[in-house]
Amino acid sequence: MLADAVDVSGLARQGRGSTRFVLAAGRMVRKKGFDLLLRAWAGVRERIAASLWMVGDGPERPRLERLAADLDVSDSVRFLGAMPHRDLLGLLEQAALCVVPSREEPYGIVVLEAQALGVPVLASAVGNIPELVKEGSTGYLTAPTVRDIADGLVRAWWDPHRSSVGAAGRRASWAKRTFDVMAQELEAWAQLANAGE
């Protein structure tokens, strides 16, 4: 399987901003697990001195907004809608923590982007994500359940080494993988395939 690449060039990468928030981003569909995150957030928000910002749109968004209201967390959750990718990356680099609560995730590009920006990430151990996140080293892993995500949020938020975990994610080889490198690998694969014909 060809690994994906990221491009965070041109971003400030100057560390966390003054607003403390946890960020989740992606298409708002069931497999992304945003409902799990909202339910987990309802159980732990009093223990985390931040708000939850959710970026993205999709068919589940109205239901998620109703769920936030039903759970009485609307005051600590912001639904920001879809935004241009560069704007998302600019917001991501200011996050205190990135959460990827997916039920299914073939690769996890948001994980890669967070790591490339040095942002600590809590992600479900599904699909390729355990290849990118080493528990307590380059990020935090959780199961895609309400209880496990809640536990993971508290564990990651209160980890005294959280900023070091973010820095280790940035140093990981996969977080530095550029599109130029990816293109070179594709070209090499194509040459091998042509040679075998």
N, C-alpha and C. Protein backbone atom coordinates (compact mmCIF):
# COMPACT_ATOMS: atom_id res chain seq x y z
N MET A 1 0.84 -1.19 0.00
CA MET A 1 0.00 0.00 0.00
C MET A 1 0.88 1.24 0.00
N LEU A 2 0.55 2.18 -0.88
CA LEU A 2 1.31 3.41 -0.96
C LEU A 2 0.90 4.34 0.17
N ALA A 3 1.88 4.78 0.94
CA ALA A 3 1.59 5.70 2.04
C ALA A 3 1.19 7.06 1.49
N ASP A 4 0.38 7.78 2.24
CA ASP A 4 -0.08 9.09 1.82
C ASP A 4 0.97 10.14 2.17
N ALA A 5 0.73 11.36 1.73
CA ALA A 5 1.67 12.46 1.97
C ALA A 5 0.90 13.66 2.51
N VAL A 6 1.65 14.61 3.06
CA VAL A 6 1.04 15.83 3.58
C VAL A 6 1.85 17.03 3.12
N ASP A 7 1.19 18.17 3.08
CA ASP A 7 1.87 19.42 2.76
C ASP A 7 1.40 20.48 3.75
N VAL A 8 2.25 20.78 4.72
CA VAL A 8 1.93 21.83 5.69
C VAL A 8 2.88 23.02 5.52
N SER A 9 3.50 23.09 4.34
CA SER A 9 4.42 24.19 4.08
C SER A 9 3.66 25.52 4.07
N GLY A 10 4.33 26.55 4.48
CA GLY A 10 3.73 27.88 4.48
C GLY A 10 2.93 28.20 5.73
N LEU A 11 2.78 27.25 6.63
CA LEU A 11 2.06 27.52 7.88
C LEU A 11 3.05 27.99 8.93
N ALA A 12 2.55 28.74 9.87
CA ALA A 12 3.44 29.36 10.87
C ALA A 12 4.14 28.33 11.74
N ARG A 13 3.41 27.31 12.16
CA ARG A 13 3.95 26.26 13.03
C ARG A 13 4.64 26.87 14.25
N GLN A 14 3.96 27.80 14.88
CA GLN A 14 4.55 28.50 16.02
C GLN A 14 3.96 28.06 17.35
N GLY A 15 3.32 26.92 17.37
CA GLY A 15 2.80 26.44 18.64
C GLY A 15 1.35 26.83 18.84
N ARG A 16 0.86 26.56 20.02
CA ARG A 16 -0.55 26.74 20.33
C ARG A 16 -0.93 28.21 20.44
N GLY A 17 -2.14 28.50 20.04
CA GLY A 17 -2.67 29.85 20.16
C GLY A 17 -3.21 30.09 21.56
N SER A 18 -3.80 31.25 21.76
CA SER A 18 -4.30 31.59 23.08
C SER A 18 -5.65 30.94 23.37
N THR A 19 -6.43 30.61 22.34
CA THR A 19 -7.71 29.94 22.53
C THR A 19 -7.46 28.45 22.70
N ARG A 20 -7.97 27.89 23.79
CA ARG A 20 -7.75 26.47 24.04
C ARG A 20 -8.93 25.69 23.49
N PHE A 21 -8.66 24.87 22.49
CA PHE A 21 -9.72 24.06 21.93
C PHE A 21 -9.18 22.71 21.47
N VAL A 22 -10.08 21.74 21.47
CA VAL A 22 -9.84 20.41 20.93
C VAL A 22 -10.51 20.40 19.57
N LEU A 23 -9.84 19.88 18.56
CA LEU A 23 -10.36 19.93 17.19
C LEU A 23 -10.64 18.54 16.65
N ALA A 24 -11.79 18.39 16.00
CA ALA A 24 -12.13 17.19 15.24
C ALA A 24 -12.57 17.67 13.86
N ALA A 25 -12.11 17.00 12.81
CA ALA A 25 -12.43 17.45 11.46
C ALA A 25 -12.68 16.26 10.54
N GLY A 26 -13.59 16.47 9.62
CA GLY A 26 -13.86 15.44 8.63
C GLY A 26 -15.29 15.52 8.13
N ARG A 27 -15.60 14.67 7.19
CA ARG A 27 -16.95 14.60 6.66
C ARG A 27 -17.88 14.07 7.74
N MET A 28 -19.00 14.71 7.92
CA MET A 28 -19.91 14.32 9.00
C MET A 28 -20.82 13.19 8.53
N VAL A 29 -20.26 12.00 8.62
CA VAL A 29 -20.95 10.75 8.30
C VAL A 29 -20.72 9.79 9.46
N ARG A 30 -21.55 8.78 9.57
CA ARG A 30 -21.53 7.89 10.74
C ARG A 30 -20.15 7.27 10.99
N LYS A 31 -19.47 6.83 9.93
CA LYS A 31 -18.20 6.12 10.14
C LYS A 31 -17.13 6.98 10.81
N LYS A 32 -17.30 8.31 10.76
CA LYS A 32 -16.30 9.20 11.37
C LYS A 32 -16.44 9.27 12.89
N GLY A 33 -17.54 8.79 13.45
CA GLY A 33 -17.66 8.67 14.90
C GLY A 33 -17.85 9.96 15.67
N PHE A 34 -18.31 11.02 15.01
CA PHE A 34 -18.48 12.29 15.73
C PHE A 34 -19.56 12.20 16.80
N ASP A 35 -20.55 11.32 16.61
CA ASP A 35 -21.56 11.12 17.66
C ASP A 35 -20.93 10.52 18.91
N LEU A 36 -19.98 9.61 18.72
CA LEU A 36 -19.26 9.02 19.85
C LEU A 36 -18.48 10.10 20.60
N LEU A 37 -17.84 10.98 19.83
CA LEU A 37 -17.05 12.06 20.43
C LEU A 37 -17.95 13.00 21.24
N LEU A 38 -19.11 13.36 20.70
CA LEU A 38 -20.01 14.26 21.44
C LEU A 38 -20.48 13.62 22.74
N ARG A 39 -20.82 12.34 22.69
CA ARG A 39 -21.25 11.65 23.91
C ARG A 39 -20.10 11.56 24.92
N ALA A 40 -18.90 11.31 24.43
CA ALA A 40 -17.73 11.27 25.31
C ALA A 40 -17.47 12.66 25.90
N TRP A 41 -17.59 13.68 25.06
CA TRP A 41 -17.35 15.06 25.51
C TRP A 41 -18.31 15.43 26.63
N ALA A 42 -19.56 14.99 26.51
CA ALA A 42 -20.56 15.30 27.54
C ALA A 42 -20.14 14.76 28.90
N GLY A 43 -19.42 13.65 28.88
CA GLY A 43 -18.99 13.04 30.14
C GLY A 43 -17.73 13.62 30.74
N VAL A 44 -16.93 14.35 29.93
CA VAL A 44 -15.63 14.80 30.43
C VAL A 44 -15.40 16.30 30.33
N ARG A 45 -16.32 17.03 29.75
CA ARG A 45 -16.04 18.45 29.49
C ARG A 45 -15.73 19.24 30.74
N GLU A 46 -16.26 18.83 31.88
CA GLU A 46 -15.96 19.54 33.13
C GLU A 46 -14.52 19.31 33.57
N ARG A 47 -13.88 18.30 33.01
CA ARG A 47 -12.49 17.97 33.39
C ARG A 47 -11.47 18.48 32.39
N ILE A 48 -11.95 19.12 31.32
CA ILE A 48 -11.05 19.61 30.26
C ILE A 48 -11.32 21.09 30.05
N ALA A 49 -10.31 21.90 30.29
CA ALA A 49 -10.46 23.36 30.20
C ALA A 49 -10.30 23.81 28.75
N ALA A 50 -11.26 23.40 27.93
CA ALA A 50 -11.22 23.74 26.51
C ALA A 50 -12.61 23.57 25.94
N SER A 51 -12.79 24.06 24.72
CA SER A 51 -14.02 23.79 23.99
C SER A 51 -13.69 22.81 22.86
N LEU A 52 -14.72 22.21 22.31
CA LEU A 52 -14.58 21.26 21.21
C LEU A 52 -15.02 21.95 19.94
N TRP A 53 -14.13 22.03 18.96
CA TRP A 53 -14.44 22.63 17.67
C TRP A 53 -14.52 21.52 16.63
N MET A 54 -15.61 21.49 15.89
CA MET A 54 -15.82 20.45 14.88
C MET A 54 -15.90 21.09 13.50
N VAL A 55 -15.00 20.68 12.63
CA VAL A 55 -14.92 21.23 11.27
C VAL A 55 -15.40 20.18 10.29
N GLY A 56 -16.29 20.58 9.40
CA GLY A 56 -16.76 19.67 8.37
C GLY A 56 -18.26 19.79 8.18
N ASP A 57 -18.72 19.11 7.17
CA ASP A 57 -20.15 19.11 6.87
C ASP A 57 -20.50 17.73 6.36
N GLY A 58 -21.77 17.50 6.18
CA GLY A 58 -22.22 16.22 5.68
C GLY A 58 -23.61 15.90 6.18
N PRO A 59 -24.15 14.77 5.77
CA PRO A 59 -25.54 14.43 6.10
C PRO A 59 -25.83 14.29 7.58
N GLU A 60 -24.81 14.00 8.39
CA GLU A 60 -25.02 13.81 9.83
C GLU A 60 -25.00 15.11 10.63
N ARG A 61 -24.61 16.21 10.00
CA ARG A 61 -24.42 17.44 10.78
C ARG A 61 -25.68 17.87 11.53
N PRO A 62 -26.87 17.93 10.92
CA PRO A 62 -28.05 18.35 11.70
C PRO A 62 -28.31 17.44 12.90
N ARG A 63 -28.12 16.15 12.72
CA ARG A 63 -28.32 15.21 13.82
C ARG A 63 -27.29 15.43 14.92
N LEU A 64 -26.05 15.72 14.54
CA LEU A 64 -25.00 15.97 15.52
C LEU A 64 -25.27 17.25 16.30
N GLU A 65 -25.76 18.27 15.63
CA GLU A 65 -26.10 19.51 16.32
C GLU A 65 -27.24 19.29 17.31
N ARG A 66 -28.23 18.48 16.91
CA ARG A 66 -29.32 18.16 17.85
C ARG A 66 -28.80 17.35 19.03
N LEU A 67 -27.88 16.42 18.74
CA LEU A 67 -27.31 15.60 19.80
C LEU A 67 -26.56 16.47 20.81
N ALA A 68 -25.79 17.43 20.30
CA ALA A 68 -25.07 18.34 21.20
C ALA A 68 -26.04 19.09 22.10
N ALA A 69 -27.16 19.51 21.53
CA ALA A 69 -28.18 20.22 22.33
C ALA A 69 -28.81 19.27 23.34
N ASP A 70 -29.14 18.06 22.92
CA ASP A 70 -29.75 17.08 23.82
C ASP A 70 -28.81 16.71 24.97
N LEU A 71 -27.52 16.68 24.69
CA LEU A 71 -26.52 16.34 25.71
C LEU A 71 -26.15 17.55 26.57
N ASP A 72 -26.70 18.71 26.22
CA ASP A 72 -26.43 19.95 26.95
C ASP A 72 -24.95 20.35 26.89
N VAL A 73 -24.36 20.17 25.71
CA VAL A 73 -22.96 20.57 25.54
C VAL A 73 -22.80 21.65 24.47
N SER A 74 -23.90 22.19 23.98
CA SER A 74 -23.83 23.19 22.90
C SER A 74 -22.97 24.40 23.28
N ASP A 75 -22.93 24.71 24.58
CA ASP A 75 -22.14 25.87 25.02
C ASP A 75 -20.64 25.62 24.93
N SER A 76 -20.23 24.36 24.81
CA SER A 76 -18.79 24.06 24.74
C SER A 76 -18.39 23.39 23.43
N VAL A 77 -19.32 23.35 22.47
CA VAL A 77 -19.05 22.75 21.16
C VAL A 77 -19.36 23.76 20.07
N ARG A 78 -18.41 23.93 19.14
CA ARG A 78 -18.63 24.82 17.99
C ARG A 78 -18.62 24.00 16.72
N PHE A 79 -19.68 24.10 15.93
CA PHE A 79 -19.74 23.48 14.61
C PHE A 79 -19.35 24.55 13.60
N LEU A 80 -18.20 24.38 12.98
CA LEU A 80 -17.64 25.41 12.11
C LEU A 80 -17.96 25.20 10.64
N GLY A 81 -18.55 24.05 10.29
CA GLY A 81 -18.87 23.78 8.90
C GLY A 81 -17.63 23.45 8.09
N ALA A 82 -17.83 23.34 6.79
CA ALA A 82 -16.72 23.05 5.88
C ALA A 82 -15.88 24.30 5.70
N MET A 83 -14.59 24.10 5.45
CA MET A 83 -13.71 25.24 5.19
C MET A 83 -12.61 24.80 4.24
N PRO A 84 -12.00 25.73 3.52
CA PRO A 84 -10.89 25.38 2.64
C PRO A 84 -9.79 24.65 3.42
N HIS A 85 -9.13 23.73 2.74
CA HIS A 85 -8.14 22.88 3.40
C HIS A 85 -7.04 23.68 4.09
N ARG A 86 -6.53 24.72 3.46
CA ARG A 86 -5.45 25.51 4.08
C ARG A 86 -5.96 26.19 5.35
N ASP A 87 -7.22 26.62 5.34
CA ASP A 87 -7.79 27.23 6.55
C ASP A 87 -7.92 26.21 7.67
N LEU A 88 -8.31 24.99 7.29
CA LEU A 88 -8.39 23.90 8.28
C LEU A 88 -7.02 23.65 8.89
N LEU A 89 -5.99 23.57 8.06
CA LEU A 89 -4.64 23.34 8.58
C LEU A 89 -4.20 24.48 9.49
N GLY A 90 -4.55 25.71 9.14
CA GLY A 90 -4.21 26.84 9.98
C GLY A 90 -4.88 26.76 11.34
N LEU A 91 -6.12 26.27 11.35
CA LEU A 91 -6.84 26.09 12.61
C LEU A 91 -6.25 24.90 13.39
N LEU A 92 -5.97 23.84 12.67
CA LEU A 92 -5.43 22.63 13.30
C LEU A 92 -4.12 22.92 14.03
N GLU A 93 -3.27 23.73 13.43
CA GLU A 93 -1.98 24.00 14.07
C GLU A 93 -2.12 24.76 15.38
N GLN A 94 -3.28 25.36 15.63
CA GLN A 94 -3.51 26.08 16.88
C GLN A 94 -4.21 25.23 17.93
N ALA A 95 -4.64 24.02 17.56
CA ALA A 95 -5.39 23.16 18.49
C ALA A 95 -4.50 22.61 19.59
N ALA A 96 -5.08 22.43 20.75
CA ALA A 96 -4.35 21.82 21.86
C ALA A 96 -4.32 20.30 21.69
N LEU A 97 -5.31 19.76 20.99
CA LEU A 97 -5.42 18.32 20.78
C LEU A 97 -6.31 18.09 19.58
N CYS A 98 -5.94 17.14 18.73
CA CYS A 98 -6.77 16.74 17.59
C CYS A 98 -7.36 15.37 17.92
N VAL A 99 -8.66 15.20 17.70
CA VAL A 99 -9.32 13.93 17.99
C VAL A 99 -9.89 13.35 16.71
N VAL A 100 -9.59 12.09 16.46
CA VAL A 100 -10.09 11.36 15.29
C VAL A 100 -10.83 10.13 15.83
N PRO A 101 -12.16 10.25 16.07
CA PRO A 101 -12.92 9.20 16.74
C PRO A 101 -13.55 8.16 15.80
N SER A 102 -12.96 7.94 14.66
CA SER A 102 -13.57 7.15 13.59
C SER A 102 -13.91 5.71 13.98
N ARG A 103 -15.05 5.25 13.48
CA ARG A 103 -15.39 3.83 13.56
C ARG A 103 -14.61 3.05 12.50
N GLU A 104 -14.39 3.70 11.35
CA GLU A 104 -13.62 3.14 10.23
C GLU A 104 -12.74 4.25 9.68
N GLU A 105 -11.54 3.90 9.27
CA GLU A 105 -10.65 4.91 8.70
C GLU A 105 -9.58 4.17 7.90
N PRO A 106 -9.64 4.21 6.56
CA PRO A 106 -8.65 3.47 5.79
C PRO A 106 -7.22 3.96 5.98
N TYR A 107 -7.03 5.29 6.08
CA TYR A 107 -5.66 5.77 6.26
C TYR A 107 -5.52 6.75 7.41
N GLY A 108 -6.28 7.80 7.46
CA GLY A 108 -6.19 8.75 8.56
C GLY A 108 -5.35 9.96 8.23
N ILE A 109 -5.68 10.66 7.14
CA ILE A 109 -4.89 11.81 6.72
C ILE A 109 -4.90 12.93 7.76
N VAL A 110 -6.00 13.10 8.49
CA VAL A 110 -6.05 14.15 9.53
C VAL A 110 -5.02 13.84 10.62
N VAL A 111 -4.84 12.57 10.93
CA VAL A 111 -3.81 12.16 11.90
C VAL A 111 -2.45 12.62 11.41
N LEU A 112 -2.16 12.33 10.16
CA LEU A 112 -0.88 12.68 9.56
C LEU A 112 -0.66 14.20 9.57
N GLU A 113 -1.70 14.94 9.22
CA GLU A 113 -1.58 16.40 9.19
C GLU A 113 -1.35 16.97 10.59
N ALA A 114 -2.07 16.44 11.58
CA ALA A 114 -1.86 16.90 12.95
C ALA A 114 -0.42 16.63 13.38
N GLN A 115 0.06 15.43 13.09
CA GLN A 115 1.43 15.10 13.47
C GLN A 115 2.43 16.00 12.76
N ALA A 116 2.22 16.25 11.48
CA ALA A 116 3.14 17.11 10.73
C ALA A 116 3.20 18.52 11.32
N LEU A 117 2.12 18.93 11.98
CA LEU A 117 2.08 20.25 12.61
C LEU A 117 2.49 20.21 14.08
N GLY A 118 2.82 19.03 14.59
CA GLY A 118 3.23 18.91 15.98
C GLY A 118 2.09 18.96 16.97
N VAL A 119 0.87 18.69 16.50
CA VAL A 119 -0.31 18.72 17.36
C VAL A 119 -0.56 17.31 17.91
N PRO A 120 -0.66 17.16 19.22
CA PRO A 120 -0.95 15.84 19.79
C PRO A 120 -2.30 15.33 19.26
N VAL A 121 -2.37 14.04 18.98
CA VAL A 121 -3.57 13.46 18.39
C VAL A 121 -4.04 12.25 19.19
N LEU A 122 -5.35 12.19 19.41
CA LEU A 122 -6.01 11.03 19.99
C LEU A 122 -6.85 10.43 18.88
N ALA A 123 -6.61 9.16 18.54
CA ALA A 123 -7.31 8.57 17.40
C ALA A 123 -7.72 7.14 17.69
N SER A 124 -8.83 6.75 17.06
CA SER A 124 -9.29 5.37 17.17
C SER A 124 -8.28 4.43 16.52
N ALA A 125 -8.06 3.31 17.15
CA ALA A 125 -7.12 2.31 16.64
C ALA A 125 -7.82 1.46 15.59
N VAL A 126 -8.13 2.08 14.45
CA VAL A 126 -8.80 1.38 13.35
C VAL A 126 -8.01 1.63 12.07
N GLY A 127 -8.20 0.74 11.09
CA GLY A 127 -7.53 0.91 9.80
C GLY A 127 -6.03 1.02 9.94
N ASN A 128 -5.46 2.00 9.29
CA ASN A 128 -4.01 2.22 9.28
C ASN A 128 -3.51 3.06 10.45
N ILE A 129 -4.43 3.59 11.26
CA ILE A 129 -4.03 4.53 12.31
C ILE A 129 -3.00 3.95 13.29
N PRO A 130 -3.10 2.68 13.71
CA PRO A 130 -2.06 2.17 14.62
C PRO A 130 -0.65 2.15 14.00
N GLU A 131 -0.56 2.25 12.68
CA GLU A 131 0.76 2.36 12.05
C GLU A 131 1.32 3.77 12.20
N LEU A 132 0.43 4.75 12.40
CA LEU A 132 0.84 6.15 12.50
C LEU A 132 0.98 6.64 13.93
N VAL A 133 0.19 6.05 14.81
CA VAL A 133 0.16 6.50 16.21
C VAL A 133 0.69 5.41 17.12
N LYS A 134 1.75 5.71 17.80
CA LYS A 134 2.31 4.81 18.81
C LYS A 134 1.91 5.37 20.17
N GLU A 135 1.10 4.61 20.88
CA GLU A 135 0.50 5.05 22.14
C GLU A 135 1.50 5.71 23.09
N GLY A 136 1.20 6.95 23.46
CA GLY A 136 2.03 7.68 24.42
C GLY A 136 3.35 8.17 23.86
N SER A 137 3.62 7.85 22.60
CA SER A 137 4.87 8.26 21.99
C SER A 137 4.63 9.29 20.88
N THR A 138 3.91 8.88 19.82
CA THR A 138 3.60 9.82 18.73
C THR A 138 2.12 10.19 18.71
N GLY A 139 1.41 9.85 19.77
CA GLY A 139 -0.01 10.16 19.87
C GLY A 139 -0.66 9.25 20.90
N TYR A 140 -1.98 9.23 20.87
CA TYR A 140 -2.74 8.41 21.81
C TYR A 140 -3.78 7.61 21.03
N LEU A 141 -3.92 6.35 21.39
CA LEU A 141 -4.89 5.48 20.74
C LEU A 141 -6.07 5.20 21.66
N THR A 142 -7.22 4.99 21.04
CA THR A 142 -8.42 4.65 21.78
C THR A 142 -9.26 3.70 20.94
N ALA A 143 -10.20 3.04 21.57
CA ALA A 143 -11.19 2.25 20.83
C ALA A 143 -12.34 3.18 20.47
N PRO A 144 -13.06 2.91 19.38
CA PRO A 144 -14.17 3.78 18.97
C PRO A 144 -15.45 3.52 19.77
N THR A 145 -15.36 3.75 21.07
CA THR A 145 -16.53 3.65 21.95
C THR A 145 -16.59 4.93 22.77
N VAL A 146 -17.77 5.26 23.26
CA VAL A 146 -17.93 6.48 24.06
C VAL A 146 -17.02 6.44 25.27
N ARG A 147 -17.04 5.34 25.99
CA ARG A 147 -16.24 5.26 27.22
C ARG A 147 -14.75 5.38 26.94
N ASP A 148 -14.28 4.68 25.91
CA ASP A 148 -12.84 4.72 25.62
C ASP A 148 -12.39 6.09 25.11
N ILE A 149 -13.23 6.73 24.29
CA ILE A 149 -12.88 8.07 23.82
C ILE A 149 -12.85 9.05 24.99
N ALA A 150 -13.82 8.93 25.89
CA ALA A 150 -13.84 9.80 27.09
C ALA A 150 -12.57 9.59 27.91
N ASP A 151 -12.22 8.33 28.15
CA ASP A 151 -11.00 8.04 28.90
C ASP A 151 -9.78 8.59 28.17
N GLY A 152 -9.76 8.43 26.85
CA GLY A 152 -8.63 8.92 26.06
C GLY A 152 -8.50 10.42 26.10
N LEU A 153 -9.62 11.12 26.05
CA LEU A 153 -9.60 12.58 26.13
C LEU A 153 -8.96 13.06 27.43
N VAL A 154 -9.40 12.46 28.53
CA VAL A 154 -8.85 12.86 29.84
C VAL A 154 -7.38 12.48 29.93
N ARG A 155 -7.05 11.27 29.49
CA ARG A 155 -5.66 10.81 29.54
C ARG A 155 -4.74 11.72 28.74
N ALA A 156 -5.16 12.06 27.51
CA ALA A 156 -4.32 12.91 26.66
C ALA A 156 -4.24 14.33 27.20
N TRP A 157 -5.40 14.87 27.63
CA TRP A 157 -5.42 16.25 28.10
C TRP A 157 -4.53 16.45 29.32
N TRP A 158 -4.55 15.50 30.23
CA TRP A 158 -3.80 15.65 31.48
C TRP A 158 -2.41 15.04 31.44
N ASP A 159 -2.00 14.52 30.29
CA ASP A 159 -0.65 13.97 30.18
C ASP A 159 0.35 15.13 30.28
N PRO A 160 1.23 15.12 31.28
CA PRO A 160 2.20 16.22 31.41
C PRO A 160 3.19 16.26 30.25
N HIS A 161 3.24 15.19 29.46
CA HIS A 161 4.17 15.12 28.32
C HIS A 161 3.45 15.32 26.99
N ARG A 162 2.23 15.86 27.03
CA ARG A 162 1.43 15.99 25.79
C ARG A 162 2.17 16.78 24.71
N SER A 163 2.83 17.87 25.07
CA SER A 163 3.54 18.64 24.05
C SER A 163 4.71 17.85 23.47
N SER A 164 5.35 17.01 24.28
CA SER A 164 6.43 16.16 23.79
C SER A 164 5.90 15.10 22.83
N VAL A 165 4.69 14.61 23.12
CA VAL A 165 4.06 13.64 22.23
C VAL A 165 3.78 14.28 20.88
N GLY A 166 3.29 15.53 20.89
CA GLY A 166 3.08 16.25 19.64
C GLY A 166 4.37 16.44 18.87
N ALA A 167 5.44 16.79 19.59
CA ALA A 167 6.74 16.99 18.94
C ALA A 167 7.26 15.69 18.35
N ALA A 168 7.05 14.57 19.04
CA ALA A 168 7.49 13.27 18.54
C ALA A 168 6.71 12.89 17.29
N GLY A 169 5.42 13.23 17.26
CA GLY A 169 4.63 12.99 16.06
C GLY A 169 5.19 13.74 14.87
N ARG A 170 5.61 14.98 15.10
CA ARG A 170 6.18 15.79 14.01
C ARG A 170 7.48 15.18 13.48
N ARG A 171 8.25 14.56 14.36
CA ARG A 171 9.54 13.98 13.94
C ARG A 171 9.38 12.64 13.23
N ALA A 172 8.20 12.02 13.33
CA ALA A 172 7.99 10.71 12.70
C ALA A 172 8.19 10.81 11.19
N SER A 173 8.81 9.79 10.62
CA SER A 173 9.14 9.83 9.18
C SER A 173 7.90 10.04 8.32
N TRP A 174 6.77 9.40 8.69
CA TRP A 174 5.57 9.52 7.87
C TRP A 174 4.97 10.92 7.92
N ALA A 175 5.25 11.68 8.98
CA ALA A 175 4.72 13.04 9.10
C ALA A 175 5.52 14.02 8.25
N LYS A 176 6.67 13.58 7.74
CA LYS A 176 7.50 14.44 6.89
C LYS A 176 7.42 14.03 5.43
N ARG A 177 6.53 13.12 5.12
CA ARG A 177 6.43 12.56 3.78
C ARG A 177 5.75 13.56 2.84
N THR A 178 6.49 14.04 1.84
CA THR A 178 5.97 15.05 0.93
C THR A 178 5.34 14.42 -0.30
N PHE A 179 4.61 15.24 -1.05
CA PHE A 179 4.01 14.76 -2.30
C PHE A 179 5.08 14.47 -3.34
N ASP A 180 6.22 15.16 -3.28
CA ASP A 180 7.32 14.87 -4.20
C ASP A 180 7.84 13.45 -3.98
N VAL A 181 8.01 13.07 -2.72
CA VAL A 181 8.46 11.71 -2.41
C VAL A 181 7.43 10.70 -2.89
N MET A 182 6.17 10.98 -2.65
CA MET A 182 5.10 10.09 -3.08
C MET A 182 5.11 9.93 -4.60
N ALA A 183 5.30 11.02 -5.33
CA ALA A 183 5.34 10.98 -6.79
C ALA A 183 6.52 10.15 -7.28
N GLN A 184 7.67 10.28 -6.62
CA GLN A 184 8.84 9.49 -7.00
C GLN A 184 8.58 8.00 -6.80
N GLU A 185 7.91 7.66 -5.70
CA GLU A 185 7.60 6.25 -5.45
C GLU A 185 6.62 5.71 -6.49
N LEU A 186 5.63 6.53 -6.85
CA LEU A 186 4.67 6.10 -7.87
C LEU A 186 5.37 5.87 -9.21
N GLU A 187 6.29 6.75 -9.54
CA GLU A 187 7.04 6.60 -10.78
C GLU A 187 7.88 5.33 -10.76
N ALA A 188 8.53 5.05 -9.62
CA ALA A 188 9.34 3.83 -9.50
C ALA A 188 8.46 2.59 -9.63
N TRP A 189 7.27 2.62 -9.01
CA TRP A 189 6.34 1.49 -9.11
C TRP A 189 5.89 1.29 -10.55
N ALA A 190 5.61 2.39 -11.25
CA ALA A 190 5.17 2.30 -12.65
C ALA A 190 6.27 1.70 -13.51
N GLN A 191 7.51 2.09 -13.27
CA GLN A 191 8.63 1.55 -14.03
C GLN A 191 8.79 0.05 -13.78
N LEU A 192 8.62 -0.38 -12.53
CA LEU A 192 8.69 -1.81 -12.22
C LEU A 192 7.57 -2.58 -12.89
N ALA A 193 6.37 -2.00 -12.88
CA ALA A 193 5.23 -2.66 -13.50
C ALA A 193 5.44 -2.79 -15.01
N ASN A 194 5.97 -1.73 -15.64
CA ASN A 194 6.23 -1.77 -17.06
C ASN A 194 7.33 -2.75 -17.41
N ALA A 195 8.33 -2.86 -16.56
CA ALA A 195 9.44 -3.79 -16.80
C ALA A 195 8.98 -5.24 -16.72
N GLY A 196 7.93 -5.48 -15.93
CA GLY A 196 7.43 -6.85 -15.74
C GLY A 196 6.50 -7.30 -16.85
N GLU A 197 6.12 -6.40 -17.77
CA GLU A 197 5.17 -6.77 -18.83
C GLU A 197 5.85 -7.56 -19.92
